[in-house]
Amino acid sequence: MRLDVFNRRQTAKLKRIAQIKLSAEDIPPRDPAAKDAGPTTLDGQRRLIKGAVPTLFQWNRYKVEPPRSSVWERTERSPELVHPGDQGQHSVTTDHDYCSFPEPSAEDLSKDLESLRKEIQELRVQREFGLQRFAGSDTDIQFYTRFPSYNHLMAFWVLIEPCIYKMIQASRAKSAANTDEEVLTPARTQTRQLLQPIDEFFLFLVFLSVGLKERDLAHQFNIHQSTVSRIIATWTSFLATALGSQCIWLTRAEVQAYLPKEFKDFSDTQVILDCTELRCQTPSSPLLQSETYSSYKSHCTMKALVGIAPHGPVTFISDLYAGSVSDKELFRQSGIAEKLTEDMAVMVDKGFLITDCCKCKVYRPPFLSKQKKNQVKETQATVRLRLHVERVIRRIKQNKLFDGIITMSPVYNISQLFAVACMLSNYQNTALVKKQVK
């Protein structure tokens, strides 16, 4: 009996608890800024104020009112002014932005991209110290290469370009000589990727014409100094072989065919000879110092014999000898006497006492003390015509490498360099490549 009464009481109590039990959905949203909003947890959930009692339930007809429409939404407008796709959207009108730019089209972007590419290419060419950088300036071409114009230089390049593939690097030739091996294959392509062949040729001409040091050339061309030495040695040997393979000594008939009218009184002149001296680094050996010292230059020098034809081209170049050698001894050792025949004549300075060394006629101004009255006009004419060879030698020495003191280098041959400079003067200043120039 008592148990039944207890069970009924417990059941009634549980029903009352179930009626007042709250859930998160039964609590309406409230303004967190309200005074009775109560504290919140760290994650933003609201805590009930102690002692608060819920008063809004479904059974007392509580419901959440819908949000109130804005003034824009409550205002009636003509249907023509409202686009069907704009229903329920706010139309906002802002001031015009005068600093804004319209979006470029694809065509404009393509033009800008092409313009930027051209600008990058121009800047790259201006940054690189190569032949293409100075192609538009004949003045710069003449300064750096001694060729009068870019077209003239390219005409000479056309002559030697077919032989480029046969070029063998000086380093490979030297190593093969040390091991008694024969180098038959040209340089591999991957070993010549630092500079194009024409830029290597331009580097060699700059070294010869301007006289820049190897370290300076390495910085200019953005390569290693040892690479500069290898390029100079390789091109010196190549040009000495390529240009030397063409016989520069002219026959008597060829000289007579181009004989200037100024030589009508000396029509049998085959060659005009003169010696030139190049100042060199003083050797450390006292014996070499005495052999290379020149009393004429008051310095250690190397001496060479140069001969030109009456119409101007260089036709003979001797090796470089010690500066103390006499002109007569140099004439004898150079081997030019073997090229002269009895029907030829040679024109020399008064210091060339070579009458007993050659079998041809010698036009040489006499010394003043031995000069006769009837020889005055002939002497003046000989001296005037001899100036041609001095002009040619002066033109060769315009290459700044030979203007100062030459450093003796074990990498390249100074005698070959001088011979190349002499042979290049035939192509730089005469019409030997005129037919190739456009």
Protein backbone atom coordinates (compact mmCIF):
# COMPACT_ATOMS: atom_id res chain seq x y z
CA MET A 1 0.00 0.00 0.00
CA ARG A 2 2.73 2.41 0.98
CA LEU A 3 4.76 1.41 -2.09
CA ASP A 4 1.91 2.33 -4.43
CA VAL A 5 1.53 5.75 -2.85
CA PHE A 6 5.30 6.35 -3.18
CA ASN A 7 5.30 5.36 -6.84
CA ARG A 8 2.43 7.70 -7.65
CA ARG A 9 4.20 10.60 -5.97
CA GLN A 10 7.44 9.91 -7.85
CA THR A 11 5.63 9.72 -11.19
CA ALA A 12 3.94 13.09 -10.64
CA LYS A 13 7.27 14.64 -9.66
CA LEU A 14 8.99 13.37 -12.81
CA LYS A 15 6.17 14.77 -14.98
CA ARG A 16 6.66 18.22 -13.48
CA ILE A 17 10.44 18.03 -14.06
CA ALA A 18 9.92 17.00 -17.70
CA GLN A 19 7.62 19.98 -18.27
CA ILE A 20 10.15 22.54 -17.06
CA LYS A 21 13.18 20.89 -18.67
CA LEU A 22 14.84 23.31 -21.09
CA SER A 23 16.81 22.77 -24.26
CA ALA A 24 18.99 25.10 -26.33
CA GLU A 25 16.28 25.34 -28.98
CA ASP A 26 13.64 26.57 -26.51
CA ILE A 27 15.77 29.57 -25.51
CA PRO A 28 15.25 32.46 -27.95
CA PRO A 29 18.29 34.41 -29.20
CA ARG A 30 19.04 37.48 -27.19
CA ASP A 31 21.15 40.53 -27.73
CA PRO A 32 24.56 40.01 -26.11
CA ALA A 33 24.74 43.76 -25.47
CA ALA A 34 21.57 43.66 -23.35
CA LYS A 35 21.89 44.25 -19.63
CA ASP A 36 20.39 40.87 -18.75
CA ALA A 37 22.36 38.98 -21.40
CA GLY A 38 24.52 37.42 -18.76
CA PRO A 39 28.10 36.20 -18.93
CA THR A 40 29.48 34.07 -21.78
CA THR A 41 32.01 31.29 -21.93
CA LEU A 42 35.35 31.42 -23.78
CA ASP A 43 33.82 29.83 -26.87
CA GLY A 44 31.01 32.40 -27.03
CA GLN A 45 28.18 30.40 -25.39
CA ARG A 46 25.91 32.31 -23.01
CA ARG A 47 25.51 31.31 -19.36
CA LEU A 48 22.25 31.78 -17.55
CA ILE A 49 22.12 34.29 -14.75
CA LYS A 50 21.80 32.67 -11.42
CA GLY A 51 18.14 32.61 -10.35
CA ALA A 52 16.76 33.21 -13.87
CA VAL A 53 13.48 31.45 -14.62
CA PRO A 54 12.23 30.80 -18.20
CA THR A 55 8.89 32.36 -19.02
CA LEU A 56 8.45 31.89 -22.75
CA PHE A 57 7.07 28.53 -23.89
CA GLN A 58 5.02 27.13 -26.71
CA TRP A 59 1.99 26.67 -24.48
CA ASN A 60 1.81 30.38 -23.68
CA ARG A 61 1.77 31.20 -27.44
CA TYR A 62 5.32 32.53 -27.70
CA LYS A 63 6.84 32.80 -31.16
CA VAL A 64 9.85 34.54 -32.69
CA GLU A 65 8.84 37.46 -34.89
CA PRO A 66 10.41 37.64 -38.40
CA PRO A 67 13.02 40.37 -38.97
CA ARG A 68 11.62 43.71 -39.97
CA SER A 69 12.06 44.75 -43.66
CA SER A 70 14.25 47.72 -44.47
CA VAL A 71 12.93 51.01 -45.85
CA TRP A 72 14.23 50.12 -49.33
CA GLU A 73 12.35 46.84 -49.30
CA ARG A 74 9.13 48.43 -48.03
CA THR A 75 9.17 51.17 -50.73
CA GLU A 76 7.01 50.44 -53.77
CA ARG A 77 8.66 50.94 -57.19
CA SER A 78 7.59 50.69 -60.81
CA PRO A 79 8.07 47.17 -62.29
CA GLU A 80 10.03 48.64 -65.24
CA LEU A 81 12.75 49.86 -62.88
CA VAL A 82 13.27 46.46 -61.29
CA HIS A 83 15.11 43.74 -63.20
CA PRO A 84 13.81 40.21 -62.55
CA GLY A 85 17.31 39.05 -61.68
CA ASP A 86 17.70 41.86 -59.15
CA GLN A 87 14.77 40.76 -56.96
CA GLY A 88 15.90 40.69 -53.37
CA GLN A 89 19.26 42.40 -54.11
CA HIS A 90 20.39 45.85 -53.07
CA SER A 91 21.56 48.19 -55.83
CA VAL A 92 24.37 50.41 -54.59
CA THR A 93 25.59 53.36 -56.65
CA THR A 94 29.10 54.65 -55.93
CA ASP A 95 31.10 57.62 -57.20
CA HIS A 96 33.29 57.19 -60.29
CA ASP A 97 36.90 56.15 -59.56
CA TYR A 98 38.95 58.44 -61.76
CA CYS A 99 42.21 56.65 -60.79
CA SER A 100 41.09 53.27 -62.04
CA PHE A 101 42.31 51.75 -65.33
CA PRO A 102 40.23 49.55 -67.60
CA GLU A 103 41.32 45.95 -67.85
CA PRO A 104 43.61 45.51 -70.90
CA SER A 105 42.55 43.24 -73.66
CA ALA A 106 44.48 40.15 -74.73
CA GLU A 107 45.81 41.97 -77.81
CA ASP A 108 47.20 44.82 -75.71
CA LEU A 109 48.85 42.33 -73.36
CA SER A 110 50.45 40.54 -76.31
CA LYS A 111 51.86 43.81 -77.65
CA ASP A 112 53.23 44.77 -74.24
CA LEU A 113 54.82 41.35 -73.86
CA GLU A 114 56.52 41.60 -77.24
CA SER A 115 57.76 45.11 -76.44
CA LEU A 116 59.21 43.94 -73.13
CA ARG A 117 60.94 41.02 -74.82
CA LYS A 118 62.59 43.37 -77.32
CA GLU A 119 63.67 45.66 -74.51
CA ILE A 120 65.18 42.73 -72.59
CA GLN A 121 67.05 41.62 -75.71
CA GLU A 122 68.40 45.14 -76.29
CA LEU A 123 69.52 45.42 -72.68
CA ARG A 124 71.18 42.00 -72.88
CA VAL A 125 73.08 43.05 -76.02
CA GLN A 126 74.14 46.32 -74.39
CA ARG A 127 75.32 44.49 -71.29
CA GLU A 128 77.36 41.91 -73.18
CA PHE A 129 80.71 43.02 -74.58
CA GLY A 130 80.52 41.40 -78.02
CA LEU A 131 80.63 42.23 -81.70
CA GLN A 132 76.84 42.59 -81.97
CA ARG A 133 76.91 45.42 -79.43
CA PHE A 134 79.03 47.62 -81.74
CA ALA A 135 77.58 46.45 -85.07
CA GLY A 136 75.76 49.75 -85.59
CA SER A 137 78.82 51.97 -85.07
CA ASP A 138 81.63 51.88 -87.64
CA THR A 139 83.64 54.22 -85.41
CA ASP A 140 83.60 51.69 -82.57
CA ILE A 141 84.36 48.84 -84.98
CA GLN A 142 87.43 50.68 -86.24
CA PHE A 143 88.55 51.45 -82.69
CA TYR A 144 88.24 47.86 -81.44
CA THR A 145 89.24 45.92 -84.59
CA ARG A 146 91.15 48.31 -86.93
CA PHE A 147 88.69 47.38 -89.68
CA PRO A 148 87.11 50.51 -91.23
CA SER A 149 83.49 49.30 -90.97
CA TYR A 150 81.28 46.48 -89.78
CA ASN A 151 80.60 45.34 -93.36
CA HIS A 152 84.33 45.25 -94.07
CA LEU A 153 84.91 43.11 -90.98
CA MET A 154 82.11 40.72 -91.89
CA ALA A 155 83.53 40.41 -95.42
CA PHE A 156 86.81 39.22 -93.91
CA TRP A 157 84.88 36.87 -91.62
CA VAL A 158 83.25 35.29 -94.67
CA LEU A 159 86.74 34.46 -95.96
CA ILE A 160 87.92 32.63 -92.83
CA GLU A 161 84.64 31.18 -91.54
CA PRO A 162 84.80 27.99 -93.68
CA CYS A 163 88.04 27.03 -91.90
CA ILE A 164 86.74 27.60 -88.37
CA TYR A 165 85.62 24.01 -87.91
CA LYS A 166 89.23 22.86 -88.43
CA MET A 167 90.48 24.97 -85.54
CA ILE A 168 92.22 23.06 -82.75
CA GLN A 169 92.54 24.60 -79.32
CA ALA A 170 96.05 25.60 -78.33
CA SER A 171 95.74 23.76 -75.01
CA ARG A 172 94.94 20.48 -76.79
CA ALA A 173 97.78 20.96 -79.27
CA LYS A 174 100.23 21.68 -76.45
CA SER A 175 99.18 18.63 -74.44
CA ALA A 176 99.41 16.47 -77.56
CA ALA A 177 102.92 17.77 -78.25
CA ASN A 178 104.00 16.90 -74.72
CA THR A 179 102.72 13.34 -75.12
CA ASP A 180 103.92 12.92 -78.75
CA GLU A 181 100.35 12.41 -79.95
CA GLU A 182 98.73 13.72 -83.10
CA VAL A 183 95.62 15.88 -82.86
CA LEU A 184 93.38 15.13 -85.82
CA THR A 185 89.95 16.13 -84.56
CA PRO A 186 88.89 19.74 -84.07
CA ALA A 187 87.74 21.16 -80.75
CA ARG A 188 84.52 19.68 -79.44
CA THR A 189 81.41 21.79 -79.57
CA GLN A 190 80.83 21.74 -75.83
CA THR A 191 84.25 23.27 -75.19
CA ARG A 192 83.32 26.32 -77.26
CA GLN A 193 80.03 27.25 -75.66
CA LEU A 194 81.29 30.18 -73.59
CA LEU A 195 81.63 32.46 -76.63
CA GLN A 196 80.56 32.15 -80.23
CA PRO A 197 83.46 31.85 -82.74
CA ILE A 198 82.86 35.35 -84.07
CA ASP A 199 82.97 36.76 -80.53
CA GLU A 200 86.22 34.88 -79.89
CA PHE A 201 87.61 36.50 -83.04
CA PHE A 202 86.37 39.87 -81.78
CA LEU A 203 88.11 39.25 -78.43
CA PHE A 204 91.37 38.53 -80.26
CA LEU A 205 91.06 41.73 -82.31
CA VAL A 206 90.35 43.78 -79.18
CA PHE A 207 93.43 42.29 -77.52
CA LEU A 208 95.54 43.14 -80.57
CA SER A 209 94.08 46.54 -81.45
CA VAL A 210 93.31 48.07 -78.06
CA GLY A 211 95.95 46.22 -76.06
CA LEU A 212 93.67 45.33 -73.15
CA LYS A 213 95.12 43.04 -70.51
CA GLU A 214 93.85 39.50 -70.18
CA ARG A 215 92.22 40.19 -66.81
CA ASP A 216 90.38 43.18 -68.27
CA LEU A 217 89.16 41.09 -71.21
CA ALA A 218 88.00 38.39 -68.80
CA HIS A 219 85.83 40.95 -66.99
CA GLN A 220 84.55 42.47 -70.23
CA PHE A 221 83.50 39.14 -71.76
CA ASN A 222 82.47 37.57 -68.44
CA ILE A 223 84.79 34.58 -68.76
CA HIS A 224 87.80 33.25 -66.86
CA GLN A 225 91.24 34.72 -67.46
CA SER A 226 92.65 31.32 -68.45
CA THR A 227 89.92 31.09 -71.10
CA VAL A 228 91.05 34.45 -72.49
CA SER A 229 94.64 33.18 -72.73
CA ARG A 230 93.48 30.04 -74.51
CA ILE A 231 91.37 32.02 -77.00
CA ILE A 232 94.26 34.39 -77.81
CA ALA A 233 96.73 31.53 -78.28
CA THR A 234 94.28 29.53 -80.41
CA TRP A 235 93.35 32.40 -82.72
CA THR A 236 96.98 33.53 -83.03
CA SER A 237 97.98 30.09 -84.27
CA PHE A 238 94.88 29.74 -86.46
CA LEU A 239 95.23 33.11 -88.22
CA ALA A 240 98.98 32.67 -88.65
CA THR A 241 98.27 29.36 -90.38
CA ALA A 242 95.22 30.48 -92.37
CA LEU A 243 96.64 33.81 -93.57
CA GLY A 244 100.16 32.44 -93.90
CA SER A 245 98.92 29.71 -96.21
CA GLN A 246 98.24 32.45 -98.76
CA CYS A 247 101.50 33.46 -100.41
CA ILE A 248 101.90 37.18 -99.77
CA TRP A 249 105.11 37.41 -101.81
CA LEU A 250 104.19 38.73 -105.25
CA THR A 251 105.82 37.79 -108.51
CA ARG A 252 107.52 40.38 -110.65
CA ALA A 253 104.63 40.34 -113.12
CA GLU A 254 102.08 40.99 -110.35
CA VAL A 255 104.12 43.89 -108.99
CA GLN A 256 104.46 45.42 -112.45
CA ALA A 257 100.71 45.10 -113.03
CA TYR A 258 99.96 47.34 -110.02
CA LEU A 259 103.03 49.58 -110.16
CA PRO A 260 102.09 53.20 -109.26
CA LYS A 261 103.10 55.97 -111.61
CA GLU A 262 105.30 57.48 -108.87
CA PHE A 263 107.69 54.55 -109.42
CA LYS A 264 108.16 55.13 -113.15
CA ASP A 265 111.83 56.01 -112.57
CA PHE A 266 112.23 52.91 -110.34
CA SER A 267 110.08 50.48 -112.30
CA ASP A 268 112.15 47.44 -111.37
CA THR A 269 111.48 47.88 -107.63
CA GLN A 270 110.17 44.61 -106.22
CA VAL A 271 110.03 45.41 -102.51
CA ILE A 272 110.67 48.27 -100.10
CA LEU A 273 112.35 47.10 -96.90
CA ASP A 274 112.67 48.57 -93.44
CA CYS A 275 113.32 47.31 -89.92
CA THR A 276 111.11 47.95 -86.92
CA GLU A 277 111.69 47.38 -83.23
CA LEU A 278 109.18 46.42 -80.54
CA ARG A 279 109.96 47.22 -76.93
CA CYS A 280 109.73 44.14 -74.75
CA GLN A 281 109.97 43.18 -71.11
CA THR A 282 113.52 43.16 -69.79
CA PRO A 283 114.72 39.56 -69.40
CA SER A 284 116.01 38.43 -66.03
CA SER A 285 119.09 36.83 -67.58
CA PRO A 286 122.05 39.24 -68.05
CA LEU A 287 122.99 37.44 -71.27
CA LEU A 288 119.52 37.94 -72.75
CA GLN A 289 119.55 41.55 -71.60
CA SER A 290 122.72 42.23 -73.57
CA GLU A 291 121.34 40.46 -76.64
CA THR A 292 117.99 42.26 -76.67
CA TYR A 293 119.24 45.72 -75.67
CA SER A 294 118.94 48.25 -78.49
CA SER A 295 121.14 51.31 -78.46
CA TYR A 296 118.71 52.99 -80.87
CA LYS A 297 115.71 52.58 -78.52
CA SER A 298 117.74 52.50 -75.27
CA HIS A 299 115.60 49.57 -74.21
CA CYS A 300 115.31 45.83 -74.66
CA THR A 301 113.63 45.24 -78.01
CA MET A 302 112.72 42.64 -80.60
CA LYS A 303 113.51 43.44 -84.21
CA ALA A 304 111.77 42.45 -87.44
CA LEU A 305 112.22 43.09 -91.15
CA VAL A 306 109.10 44.18 -93.05
CA GLY A 307 108.77 44.52 -96.81
CA ILE A 308 105.98 46.04 -98.90
CA ALA A 309 105.26 46.13 -102.61
CA PRO A 310 105.34 49.54 -104.34
CA HIS A 311 101.52 49.70 -104.35
CA GLY A 312 101.25 49.14 -100.58
CA PRO A 313 100.51 45.58 -99.40
CA VAL A 314 102.86 43.79 -97.01
CA THR A 315 104.70 41.11 -98.98
CA PHE A 316 107.40 40.00 -96.53
CA ILE A 317 107.55 39.56 -92.75
CA SER A 318 110.53 38.13 -90.92
CA ASP A 319 110.58 36.50 -87.53
CA LEU A 320 111.40 38.61 -84.48
CA TYR A 321 115.07 38.72 -83.54
CA ALA A 322 116.99 40.17 -80.63
CA GLY A 323 117.17 43.95 -80.71
CA SER A 324 120.98 44.07 -80.87
CA VAL A 325 121.13 42.43 -84.31
CA SER A 326 122.21 44.72 -87.15
CA ASP A 327 120.07 45.48 -90.19
CA LYS A 328 122.51 43.68 -92.46
CA GLU A 329 122.54 40.56 -90.31
CA LEU A 330 118.76 40.61 -90.05
CA PHE A 331 118.50 40.87 -93.85
CA ARG A 332 120.80 37.88 -94.21
CA GLN A 333 118.99 35.70 -91.62
CA SER A 334 115.48 36.58 -92.78
CA GLY A 335 115.86 34.66 -96.06
CA ILE A 336 114.53 37.40 -98.32
CA ALA A 337 117.73 37.42 -100.36
CA GLU A 338 116.74 34.04 -101.78
CA LYS A 339 113.52 35.54 -103.20
CA LEU A 340 115.26 38.34 -105.09
CA THR A 341 116.56 37.85 -108.63
CA GLU A 342 118.91 39.88 -110.78
CA ASP A 343 116.08 41.58 -112.70
CA MET A 344 114.59 42.94 -109.48
CA ALA A 345 115.49 45.90 -107.29
CA VAL A 346 115.06 46.57 -103.61
CA MET A 347 114.64 49.98 -101.96
CA VAL A 348 116.13 50.43 -98.47
CA ASP A 349 117.31 53.05 -96.02
CA LYS A 350 120.85 54.32 -96.06
CA GLY A 351 121.70 52.16 -93.04
CA PHE A 352 121.09 48.94 -95.01
CA LEU A 353 124.54 48.06 -96.29
CA ILE A 354 123.36 44.97 -98.15
CA THR A 355 124.89 45.46 -101.56
CA ASP A 356 127.24 42.53 -101.03
CA CYS A 357 124.45 40.32 -99.59
CA CYS A 358 122.08 40.20 -102.55
CA LYS A 359 122.41 39.83 -106.29
CA CYS A 360 119.73 42.38 -107.19
CA LYS A 361 119.93 46.12 -107.57
CA VAL A 362 119.68 48.21 -104.40
CA TYR A 363 118.16 51.71 -104.25
CA ARG A 364 119.73 53.24 -101.17
CA PRO A 365 120.24 56.94 -100.41
CA PRO A 366 123.96 57.70 -100.07
CA PHE A 367 125.43 59.27 -96.97
CA LEU A 368 125.65 63.05 -97.07
CA SER A 369 129.44 63.07 -97.12
CA LYS A 370 129.52 60.79 -100.18
CA GLN A 371 126.61 62.33 -102.05
CA LYS A 372 127.30 63.83 -105.48
CA LYS A 373 125.43 66.72 -107.06
CA ASN A 374 123.87 64.58 -109.77
CA GLN A 375 122.53 62.19 -107.10
CA VAL A 376 120.47 64.79 -105.23
CA LYS A 377 117.24 64.33 -107.21
CA GLU A 378 117.53 60.56 -107.15
CA THR A 379 118.15 60.65 -103.40
CA GLN A 380 115.14 62.86 -102.79
CA ALA A 381 112.93 60.59 -104.87
CA THR A 382 114.18 57.48 -103.07
CA VAL A 383 113.59 59.02 -99.66
CA ARG A 384 110.11 60.16 -100.67
CA LEU A 385 109.12 56.72 -101.96
CA ARG A 386 110.61 54.97 -98.93
CA LEU A 387 108.11 56.77 -96.73
CA HIS A 388 105.46 54.29 -97.90
CA VAL A 389 106.99 51.46 -95.90
CA GLU A 390 107.29 53.68 -92.83
CA ARG A 391 103.60 54.55 -93.09
CA VAL A 392 102.68 50.87 -93.31
CA ILE A 393 104.82 50.02 -90.28
CA ARG A 394 103.31 52.95 -88.38
CA ARG A 395 99.87 51.64 -89.28
CA ILE A 396 100.80 48.19 -87.96
CA LYS A 397 102.05 49.72 -84.74
CA GLN A 398 98.71 51.45 -84.25
CA ASN A 399 97.75 48.15 -82.70
CA LYS A 400 98.20 49.13 -79.07
CA LEU A 401 99.67 45.75 -78.19
CA PHE A 402 102.91 46.80 -79.93
CA ASP A 403 102.77 50.42 -78.82
CA GLY A 404 103.91 49.79 -75.25
CA ILE A 405 106.21 47.30 -73.59
CA ILE A 406 105.29 43.76 -74.61
CA THR A 407 105.07 41.23 -71.80
CA MET A 408 106.75 37.95 -72.65
CA SER A 409 104.05 35.33 -72.29
CA PRO A 410 104.59 31.55 -72.39
CA VAL A 411 101.02 31.08 -73.68
CA TYR A 412 101.17 32.71 -77.11
CA ASN A 413 103.92 33.47 -79.62
CA ILE A 414 104.79 37.17 -79.95
CA SER A 415 106.42 36.59 -83.34
CA GLN A 416 103.20 35.00 -84.63
CA LEU A 417 101.14 37.87 -83.21
CA PHE A 418 103.27 40.41 -85.06
CA ALA A 419 103.02 38.43 -88.30
CA VAL A 420 99.22 38.21 -87.93
CA ALA A 421 99.02 41.98 -87.35
CA CYS A 422 101.06 42.60 -90.51
CA MET A 423 98.95 40.25 -92.62
CA LEU A 424 95.70 41.66 -91.22
CA SER A 425 96.78 45.13 -92.36
CA ASN A 426 96.44 43.90 -95.96
CA TYR A 427 92.75 43.15 -95.32
CA GLN A 428 92.02 46.10 -93.08
CA ASN A 429 93.34 48.90 -95.26
CA THR A 430 93.40 47.70 -98.88
CA ALA A 431 90.94 46.32 -101.39
CA LEU A 432 91.75 42.62 -100.91
CA VAL A 433 88.21 42.03 -99.65
CA LYS A 434 86.54 44.90 -101.45
CA LYS A 435 84.53 42.61 -103.70
CA GLN A 436 82.96 41.00 -100.63
CA VAL A 437 81.86 44.31 -99.11
CA LYS A 438 78.28 45.24 -99.90
